[in-house]
Amino acid sequence: MSSGKMGGGRLASSIHGRLCTVDERTRQPVESNFSSAENDLQLQ
């Protein structure tokens, strides 16, 4: 049973790590889009 818990913990941690990396990747372009939109408004 202990080995099963370790496997589950590893799987959960790997999935959590993937979600974190995906969140960071999706957050960066959103921030850049916001900054570019602000620049466009200032230019206009």
PDB file of N, CA and C in Angstrom:
ATOM      1  N   MET A   1       0.830  -1.204   0.000  1.00  0.00           N
ATOM      2  CA  MET A   1       0.000   0.000   0.000  1.00  0.00           C
ATOM      3  C   MET A   1       0.866   1.256   0.000  1.00  0.00           C
ATOM      4  N   SER A   2       1.969   1.202   0.720  1.00  0.00           N
ATOM      5  CA  SER A   2       2.827   2.384   0.791  1.00  0.00           C
ATOM      6  C   SER A   2       3.363   2.728  -0.601  1.00  0.00           C
ATOM      7  N   SER A   3       3.708   1.674  -1.394  1.00  0.00           N
ATOM      8  CA  SER A   3       4.217   1.938  -2.746  1.00  0.00           C
ATOM      9  C   SER A   3       3.125   2.572  -3.600  1.00  0.00           C
ATOM     10  N   GLY A   4       1.877   2.151  -3.412  1.00  0.00           N
ATOM     11  CA  GLY A   4       0.771   2.734  -4.175  1.00  0.00           C
ATOM     12  C   GLY A   4       0.606   4.198  -3.821  1.00  0.00           C
ATOM     13  N   LYS A   5       0.741   4.533  -2.531  1.00  0.00           N
ATOM     14  CA  LYS A   5       0.612   5.940  -2.129  1.00  0.00           C
ATOM     15  C   LYS A   5       1.708   6.774  -2.788  1.00  0.00           C
ATOM     16  N   MET A   6       2.923   6.225  -2.805  1.00  0.00           N
ATOM     17  CA  MET A   6       4.036   6.970  -3.408  1.00  0.00           C
ATOM     18  C   MET A   6       3.753   7.206  -4.894  1.00  0.00           C
ATOM     19  N   GLY A   7       3.267   6.180  -5.581  1.00  0.00           N
ATOM     20  CA  GLY A   7       2.960   6.330  -7.000  1.00  0.00           C
ATOM     21  C   GLY A   7       1.905   7.401  -7.218  1.00  0.00           C
ATOM     22  N   GLY A   8       0.847   7.357  -6.394  1.00  0.00           N
ATOM     23  CA  GLY A   8      -0.218   8.353  -6.530  1.00  0.00           C
ATOM     24  C   GLY A   8       0.315   9.751  -6.257  1.00  0.00           C
ATOM     25  N   GLY A   9       1.155   9.880  -5.226  1.00  0.00           N
ATOM     26  CA  GLY A   9       1.713  11.185  -4.909  1.00  0.00           C
ATOM     27  C   GLY A   9       2.575  11.696  -6.056  1.00  0.00           C
ATOM     28  N   ARG A  10       3.358  10.792  -6.637  1.00  0.00           N
ATOM     29  CA  ARG A  10       4.210  11.208  -7.761  1.00  0.00           C
ATOM     30  C   ARG A  10       3.349  11.663  -8.940  1.00  0.00           C
ATOM     31  N   LEU A  11       2.293  10.899  -9.223  1.00  0.00           N
ATOM     32  CA  LEU A  11       1.422  11.250 -10.349  1.00  0.00           C
ATOM     33  C   LEU A  11       0.771  12.611 -10.101  1.00  0.00           C
ATOM     34  N   ALA A  12       0.259  12.807  -8.880  1.00  0.00           N
ATOM     35  CA  ALA A  12      -0.405  14.072  -8.559  1.00  0.00           C
ATOM     36  C   ALA A  12       0.586  15.234  -8.663  1.00  0.00           C
ATOM     37  N   SER A  13       1.807  15.038  -8.156  1.00  0.00           N
ATOM     38  CA  SER A  13       2.790  16.117  -8.194  1.00  0.00           C
ATOM     39  C   SER A  13       3.172  16.433  -9.642  1.00  0.00           C
ATOM     40  N   SER A  14       3.301  15.399 -10.480  1.00  0.00           N
ATOM     41  CA  SER A  14       3.660  15.648 -11.879  1.00  0.00           C
ATOM     42  C   SER A  14       2.538  16.391 -12.593  1.00  0.00           C
ATOM     43  N   ILE A  15       1.281  16.009 -12.310  1.00  0.00           N
ATOM     44  CA  ILE A  15       0.142  16.702 -12.934  1.00  0.00           C
ATOM     45  C   ILE A  15       0.101  18.150 -12.441  1.00  0.00           C
ATOM     46  N   HIS A  16       0.320  18.341 -11.137  1.00  0.00           N
ATOM     47  CA  HIS A  16       0.311  19.693 -10.576  1.00  0.00           C
ATOM     48  C   HIS A  16       1.419  20.530 -11.226  1.00  0.00           C
ATOM     49  N   GLY A  17       2.593  19.937 -11.423  1.00  0.00           N
ATOM     50  CA  GLY A  17       3.692  20.653 -12.058  1.00  0.00           C
ATOM     51  C   GLY A  17       3.333  21.046 -13.489  1.00  0.00           C
ATOM     52  N   ARG A  18       2.656  20.145 -14.209  1.00  0.00           N
ATOM     53  CA  ARG A  18       2.254  20.465 -15.585  1.00  0.00           C
ATOM     54  C   ARG A  18       1.260  21.621 -15.588  1.00  0.00           C
ATOM     55  N   LEU A  19       0.305  21.602 -14.664  1.00  0.00           N
ATOM     56  CA  LEU A  19      -0.682  22.683 -14.596  1.00  0.00           C
ATOM     57  C   LEU A  19       0.023  24.002 -14.298  1.00  0.00           C
ATOM     58  N   CYS A  20       1.007  23.978 -13.406  1.00  0.00           N
ATOM     59  CA  CYS A  20       1.727  25.204 -13.062  1.00  0.00           C
ATOM     60  C   CYS A  20       2.465  25.741 -14.284  1.00  0.00           C
ATOM     61  N   THR A  21       3.156  24.871 -15.022  1.00  0.00           N
ATOM     62  CA  THR A  21       3.904  25.326 -16.191  1.00  0.00           C
ATOM     63  C   THR A  21       2.943  25.852 -17.254  1.00  0.00           C
ATOM     64  N   VAL A  22       1.811  25.179 -17.449  1.00  0.00           N
ATOM     65  CA  VAL A  22       0.836  25.639 -18.440  1.00  0.00           C
ATOM     66  C   VAL A  22       0.283  27.001 -18.021  1.00  0.00           C
ATOM     67  N   ASP A  23       0.010  27.158 -16.716  1.00  0.00           N
ATOM     68  CA  ASP A  23      -0.528  28.425 -16.209  1.00  0.00           C
ATOM     69  C   ASP A  23       0.474  29.540 -16.466  1.00  0.00           C
ATOM     70  N   GLU A  24       1.755  29.273 -16.186  1.00  0.00           N
ATOM     71  CA  GLU A  24       2.779  30.297 -16.419  1.00  0.00           C
ATOM     72  C   GLU A  24       2.851  30.630 -17.911  1.00  0.00           C
ATOM     73  N   ARG A  25       2.802  29.626 -18.754  1.00  0.00           N
ATOM     74  CA  ARG A  25       2.902  29.875 -20.203  1.00  0.00           C
ATOM     75  C   ARG A  25       1.716  30.688 -20.701  1.00  0.00           C
ATOM     76  N   THR A  26       0.523  30.411 -20.184  1.00  0.00           N
ATOM     77  CA  THR A  26      -0.658  31.137 -20.651  1.00  0.00           C
ATOM     78  C   THR A  26      -0.714  32.522 -20.025  1.00  0.00           C
ATOM     79  N   ARG A  27      -0.103  32.690 -18.858  1.00  0.00           N
ATOM     80  CA  ARG A  27      -0.169  33.985 -18.179  1.00  0.00           C
ATOM     81  C   ARG A  27       0.768  35.002 -18.845  1.00  0.00           C
ATOM     82  N   GLN A  28       1.917  34.560 -19.337  1.00  0.00           N
ATOM     83  CA  GLN A  28       2.880  35.482 -19.933  1.00  0.00           C
ATOM     84  C   GLN A  28       2.319  36.196 -21.175  1.00  0.00           C
ATOM     85  N   PRO A  29       1.782  35.466 -22.164  1.00  0.00           N
ATOM     86  CA  PRO A  29       1.234  36.146 -23.345  1.00  0.00           C
ATOM     87  C   PRO A  29       0.076  37.070 -22.987  1.00  0.00           C
ATOM     88  N   VAL A  30      -0.713  36.708 -21.989  1.00  0.00           N
ATOM     89  CA  VAL A  30      -1.841  37.564 -21.587  1.00  0.00           C
ATOM     90  C   VAL A  30      -1.302  38.889 -21.066  1.00  0.00           C
ATOM     91  N   GLU A  31      -0.261  38.841 -20.230  1.00  0.00           N
ATOM     92  CA  GLU A  31       0.309  40.068 -19.685  1.00  0.00           C
ATOM     93  C   GLU A  31       0.885  40.925 -20.817  1.00  0.00           C
ATOM     94  N   SER A  32       1.575  40.293 -21.770  1.00  0.00           N
ATOM     95  CA  SER A  32       2.159  41.051 -22.881  1.00  0.00           C
ATOM     96  C   SER A  32       1.049  41.675 -23.727  1.00  0.00           C
ATOM     97  N   ASN A  33      -0.063  40.963 -23.896  1.00  0.00           N
ATOM     98  CA  ASN A  33      -1.175  41.517 -24.670  1.00  0.00           C
ATOM     99  C   ASN A  33      -1.750  42.741 -23.966  1.00  0.00           C
ATOM    100  N   PHE A  34      -1.881  42.656 -22.639  1.00  0.00           N
ATOM    101  CA  PHE A  34      -2.411  43.794 -21.893  1.00  0.00           C
ATOM    102  C   PHE A  34      -1.481  44.997 -22.044  1.00  0.00           C
ATOM    103  N   SER A  35      -0.181  44.791 -21.918  1.00  0.00           N
ATOM    104  CA  SER A  35       0.771  45.897 -22.011  1.00  0.00           C
ATOM    105  C   SER A  35       0.737  46.496 -23.418  1.00  0.00           C
ATOM    106  N   SER A  36       0.653  45.662 -24.452  1.00  0.00           N
ATOM    107  CA  SER A  36       0.599  46.179 -25.827  1.00  0.00           C
ATOM    108  C   SER A  36      -0.699  46.942 -26.053  1.00  0.00           C
ATOM    109  N   ALA A  37      -1.799  46.469 -25.470  1.00  0.00           N
ATOM    110  CA  ALA A  37      -3.086  47.161 -25.619  1.00  0.00           C
ATOM    111  C   ALA A  37      -3.000  48.537 -24.959  1.00  0.00           C
ATOM    112  N   GLU A  38      -2.365  48.617 -23.808  1.00  0.00           N
ATOM    113  CA  GLU A  38      -2.215  49.903 -23.130  1.00  0.00           C
ATOM    114  C   GLU A  38      -1.378  50.847 -23.990  1.00  0.00           C
ATOM    115  N   ASN A  39      -0.326  50.329 -24.607  1.00  0.00           N
ATOM    116  CA  ASN A  39       0.510  51.163 -25.475  1.00  0.00           C
ATOM    117  C   ASN A  39      -0.310  51.685 -26.654  1.00  0.00           C
ATOM    118  N   ASP A  40      -1.148  50.851 -27.231  1.00  0.00           N
ATOM    119  CA  ASP A  40      -1.983  51.273 -28.360  1.00  0.00           C
ATOM    120  C   ASP A  40      -2.930  52.389 -27.920  1.00  0.00           C
ATOM    121  N   LEU A  41      -3.524  52.249 -26.746  1.00  0.00           N
ATOM    122  CA  LEU A  41      -4.453  53.280 -26.261  1.00  0.00           C
ATOM    123  C   LEU A  41      -3.704  54.599 -26.051  1.00  0.00           C
ATOM    124  N   GLN A  42      -2.501  54.531 -25.511  1.00  0.00           N
ATOM    125  CA  GLN A  42      -1.726  55.749 -25.272  1.00  0.00           C
ATOM    126  C   GLN A  42      -1.364  56.412 -26.605  1.00  0.00           C
ATOM    127  N   LEU A  43      -1.015  55.605 -27.604  1.00  0.00           N
ATOM    128  CA  LEU A  43      -0.652  56.181 -28.900  1.00  0.00           C
ATOM    129  C   LEU A  43      -1.871  56.858 -29.533  1.00  0.00           C
ATOM    130  N   GLN A  44      -3.040  56.246 -29.399  1.00  0.00           N
ATOM    131  CA  GLN A  44      -4.236  56.832 -30.001  1.00  0.00           C
ATOM    132  C   GLN A  44      -4.673  58.043 -29.186  1.00  0.00           C
TER     133      GLN A  44
END
